[in-house]
Amino acid sequence: MRPVLRRLAVVTLAASLLGLGACASTPSRFYILNPLSASEVIPATAAAQGPVIAVGPVTVPKYLDRPQIVTRASRNQLTLGEFDRWAEPLPDNISRVLGENLARLVPTDHILLQTWPRPATLDYQVTVEVLDFEGGLGGESVLLALWSLLDGAERPLMTRRVSLQTPVGGRDYEAMVQALNQMVDALSRDIAEAIQRQASRAVARE
């Protein structure tokens, strides 16, 4: 190899290694949705154990079911946060948060997630099909979902479509996840109110 070409190859290799080193030194940031805190829930007046509620399945669109957090750059363009990721699969995270929120809002001591062995004493089942769950940094976050409430025999009691929007309070991923979290909280309250109404009607018929 000629000396000039040899020097060029060495420089190119060194630049490539520096580039790899820069990528390797960029740490990933992981985010998670959290349930309502005790201060955000009105304490129950009764100490009853409450109904047995199964949460799931919870589904999200395929383009959102990935480790990277998806943001919308424009109507037809999405951006994946290569270093900003969900700490657990998004459907599992939403399901778990919904379950914990319903336990506090209904309230009940009996919440089963989507991997449950179906019990004979199940009172209600909540299914959620998330149609849109994203936002833009510094813009608005959106939650569009179709949720259903079934009785213990898997007969549908009601189905509701919800469309929520919340401003993102900053231009970073943490602010966007916080906005998404607020909408999951609102969805939880909507479902909890429906369960409470159904339970009250069931008691009135007895």
Protein backbone atom coordinates (compact mmCIF):
# COMPACT_ATOMS: atom_id res chain seq x y z
CA MET A 1 0.00 0.00 0.00
CA ARG A 2 1.34 3.41 -0.87
CA PRO A 3 2.33 5.62 2.11
CA VAL A 4 -0.35 8.24 1.31
CA LEU A 5 -3.08 5.59 1.09
CA ARG A 6 -1.80 3.94 4.25
CA ARG A 7 -1.99 7.23 6.17
CA LEU A 8 -5.50 7.84 4.79
CA ALA A 9 -6.65 4.41 5.95
CA VAL A 10 -5.26 5.01 9.45
CA VAL A 11 -7.01 8.40 9.69
CA THR A 12 -10.31 6.90 8.50
CA LEU A 13 -10.08 4.06 11.01
CA ALA A 14 -9.29 6.46 13.84
CA ALA A 15 -12.26 8.66 12.94
CA SER A 16 -14.54 5.62 12.87
CA LEU A 17 -13.35 4.49 16.30
CA LEU A 18 -13.89 7.97 17.71
CA GLY A 19 -17.41 7.97 16.31
CA LEU A 20 -18.15 4.61 17.89
CA GLY A 21 -16.75 5.84 21.17
CA ALA A 22 -19.01 8.88 21.09
CA CYS A 23 -22.08 6.70 20.49
CA ALA A 24 -21.09 4.29 23.24
CA SER A 25 -20.60 7.13 25.73
CA THR A 26 -24.18 8.45 25.21
CA PRO A 27 -26.26 6.80 27.96
CA SER A 28 -29.86 5.83 27.36
CA ARG A 29 -32.55 7.40 29.54
CA PHE A 30 -35.44 5.21 30.67
CA TYR A 31 -38.95 6.39 31.54
CA ILE A 32 -41.98 4.84 33.16
CA LEU A 33 -45.63 5.72 33.79
CA ASN A 34 -46.57 5.79 37.47
CA PRO A 35 -49.90 5.29 39.31
CA LEU A 36 -51.73 7.99 41.21
CA SER A 37 -50.21 8.90 44.54
CA ALA A 38 -52.19 8.66 47.77
CA SER A 39 -52.54 12.46 47.85
CA GLU A 40 -54.29 12.39 44.45
CA VAL A 41 -56.99 9.93 45.56
CA ILE A 42 -59.91 10.73 47.87
CA PRO A 43 -59.80 8.16 50.70
CA ALA A 44 -62.60 5.60 50.62
CA THR A 45 -65.24 5.98 53.30
CA ALA A 46 -65.83 2.23 53.50
CA ALA A 47 -63.34 -0.52 54.19
CA ALA A 48 -65.01 -3.07 51.93
CA GLN A 49 -62.76 -5.31 49.88
CA GLY A 50 -64.51 -4.24 46.70
CA PRO A 51 -65.20 -6.09 43.44
CA VAL A 52 -62.80 -8.43 41.69
CA ILE A 53 -61.57 -6.57 38.60
CA ALA A 54 -59.43 -7.97 35.79
CA VAL A 55 -57.46 -5.43 33.74
CA GLY A 56 -56.54 -6.48 30.23
CA PRO A 57 -55.79 -7.08 27.59
CA VAL A 58 -54.34 -3.63 26.93
CA THR A 59 -53.11 -3.18 23.36
CA VAL A 60 -51.24 -0.38 21.59
CA PRO A 61 -50.50 0.17 17.88
CA LYS A 62 -47.49 -1.74 16.57
CA TYR A 63 -45.57 1.44 15.83
CA LEU A 64 -45.77 2.38 19.51
CA ASP A 65 -45.01 -1.11 20.86
CA ARG A 66 -41.24 -0.65 20.90
CA PRO A 67 -38.59 0.37 23.46
CA GLN A 68 -38.00 3.79 21.87
CA ILE A 69 -40.39 6.58 22.80
CA VAL A 70 -42.21 7.81 19.71
CA THR A 71 -42.80 11.52 19.12
CA ARG A 72 -44.62 13.13 16.20
CA ALA A 73 -42.53 15.49 14.09
CA SER A 74 -45.34 16.23 11.64
CA ARG A 75 -48.60 14.72 10.47
CA ASN A 76 -46.82 12.00 8.50
CA GLN A 77 -43.43 11.84 10.24
CA LEU A 78 -42.52 10.13 13.50
CA THR A 79 -39.28 10.33 15.48
CA LEU A 80 -37.87 7.51 17.62
CA GLY A 81 -35.98 8.48 20.75
CA GLU A 82 -32.94 6.26 20.29
CA PHE A 83 -31.59 7.21 23.74
CA ASP A 84 -34.99 7.86 25.35
CA ARG A 85 -36.81 4.59 26.00
CA TRP A 86 -39.60 2.97 27.96
CA ALA A 87 -38.33 1.03 30.96
CA GLU A 88 -40.84 -1.78 30.29
CA PRO A 89 -43.11 -2.71 27.36
CA LEU A 90 -45.69 0.04 26.98
CA PRO A 91 -48.79 -2.24 27.09
CA ASP A 92 -47.54 -3.79 30.35
CA ASN A 93 -46.82 -0.37 31.85
CA ILE A 94 -50.26 1.00 30.98
CA SER A 95 -51.98 -2.16 32.25
CA ARG A 96 -50.12 -2.08 35.56
CA VAL A 97 -50.81 1.64 36.14
CA LEU A 98 -54.50 1.21 35.30
CA GLY A 99 -54.71 -1.68 37.74
CA GLU A 100 -53.06 0.21 40.58
CA ASN A 101 -55.18 3.29 39.91
CA LEU A 102 -58.44 1.31 39.89
CA ALA A 103 -57.45 -0.38 43.15
CA ARG A 104 -57.28 3.07 44.76
CA LEU A 105 -60.15 4.77 42.95
CA VAL A 106 -62.91 2.12 43.06
CA PRO A 107 -61.53 1.03 45.65
CA THR A 108 -60.81 -2.69 45.71
CA ASP A 109 -58.32 -5.16 47.09
CA HIS A 110 -58.76 -7.51 44.12
CA ILE A 111 -57.06 -6.43 40.89
CA LEU A 112 -55.84 -9.00 38.36
CA LEU A 113 -53.66 -8.10 35.39
CA GLN A 114 -53.92 -9.58 31.91
CA THR A 115 -51.82 -12.65 32.71
CA TRP A 116 -54.25 -13.77 35.42
CA PRO A 117 -55.75 -17.23 35.67
CA ARG A 118 -59.41 -16.28 35.25
CA PRO A 119 -61.20 -16.81 38.60
CA ALA A 120 -64.77 -17.99 38.99
CA THR A 121 -65.61 -14.98 41.18
CA LEU A 122 -64.62 -12.27 38.70
CA ASP A 123 -66.97 -9.26 38.81
CA TYR A 124 -65.64 -7.03 36.02
CA GLN A 125 -63.10 -7.08 33.22
CA VAL A 126 -61.62 -3.95 31.64
CA THR A 127 -60.14 -4.10 28.14
CA VAL A 128 -58.37 -1.16 26.52
CA GLU A 129 -57.42 -0.66 22.89
CA VAL A 130 -55.08 2.31 22.69
CA LEU A 131 -55.37 3.90 19.25
CA ASP A 132 -52.99 6.84 19.75
CA PHE A 133 -50.58 7.61 22.57
CA GLU A 134 -47.90 10.09 21.61
CA GLY A 135 -46.98 13.74 21.51
CA GLY A 136 -44.49 16.33 20.37
CA LEU A 137 -41.76 17.80 22.51
CA GLY A 138 -43.00 21.20 23.59
CA GLY A 139 -46.37 20.57 21.91
CA GLU A 140 -49.35 18.47 22.91
CA SER A 141 -49.73 14.87 23.99
CA VAL A 142 -52.66 12.78 22.79
CA LEU A 143 -54.43 9.70 24.11
CA LEU A 144 -57.11 8.10 21.97
CA ALA A 145 -58.50 4.84 23.30
CA LEU A 146 -61.46 2.50 23.13
CA TRP A 147 -62.20 0.79 26.43
CA SER A 148 -64.84 -1.76 27.38
CA LEU A 149 -66.28 -2.99 30.66
CA LEU A 150 -67.44 -6.61 30.80
CA ASP A 151 -69.16 -8.52 33.55
CA GLY A 152 -67.90 -11.72 35.13
CA ALA A 153 -69.38 -13.79 32.29
CA GLU A 154 -67.53 -11.67 29.68
CA ARG A 155 -70.75 -9.97 28.58
CA PRO A 156 -70.19 -6.34 27.52
CA LEU A 157 -71.70 -3.78 29.87
CA MET A 158 -70.44 -0.69 28.09
CA THR A 159 -67.89 0.55 25.57
CA ARG A 160 -66.55 4.07 25.45
CA ARG A 161 -64.20 5.99 23.16
CA VAL A 162 -62.06 8.64 24.86
CA SER A 163 -60.00 11.38 23.26
CA LEU A 164 -57.69 13.36 25.55
CA GLN A 165 -55.13 16.09 24.92
CA THR A 166 -52.67 17.63 27.37
CA PRO A 167 -49.98 20.28 26.76
CA VAL A 168 -46.41 19.10 27.20
CA GLY A 169 -44.82 21.35 29.79
CA GLY A 170 -41.32 21.30 28.31
CA ARG A 171 -39.22 20.35 25.32
CA ASP A 172 -37.79 17.15 26.77
CA TYR A 173 -38.94 13.55 26.99
CA GLU A 174 -39.56 13.65 30.73
CA ALA A 175 -42.11 16.44 30.29
CA MET A 176 -43.82 14.49 27.52
CA VAL A 177 -44.01 11.30 29.60
CA GLN A 178 -45.50 13.31 32.48
CA ALA A 179 -48.20 14.61 30.12
CA LEU A 180 -48.92 11.08 28.88
CA ASN A 181 -49.10 9.93 32.50
CA GLN A 182 -51.74 12.58 33.29
CA MET A 183 -53.95 11.23 30.53
CA VAL A 184 -53.64 7.64 31.79
CA ASP A 185 -54.73 8.98 35.19
CA ALA A 186 -57.77 10.62 33.56
CA LEU A 187 -58.59 7.38 31.75
CA SER A 188 -58.36 5.50 35.06
CA ARG A 189 -60.81 7.89 36.70
CA ASP A 190 -63.26 7.49 33.82
CA ILE A 191 -63.17 3.69 34.10
CA ALA A 192 -63.38 3.77 37.91
CA GLU A 193 -66.52 5.92 37.80
CA ALA A 194 -68.15 3.49 35.36
CA ILE A 195 -67.34 0.53 37.63
CA GLN A 196 -68.72 2.34 40.66
CA ARG A 197 -71.97 3.08 38.80
CA GLN A 198 -72.32 -0.54 37.70
CA ALA A 199 -71.62 -1.78 41.23
CA SER A 200 -74.22 0.60 42.69
CA ARG A 201 -76.84 -0.66 40.23
CA ALA A 202 -76.00 -4.25 41.10
CA VAL A 203 -76.47 -3.53 44.81
CA ALA A 204 -79.77 -1.73 44.14
CA ARG A 205 -81.11 -4.79 42.29
CA GLU A 206 -80.34 -7.11 45.19
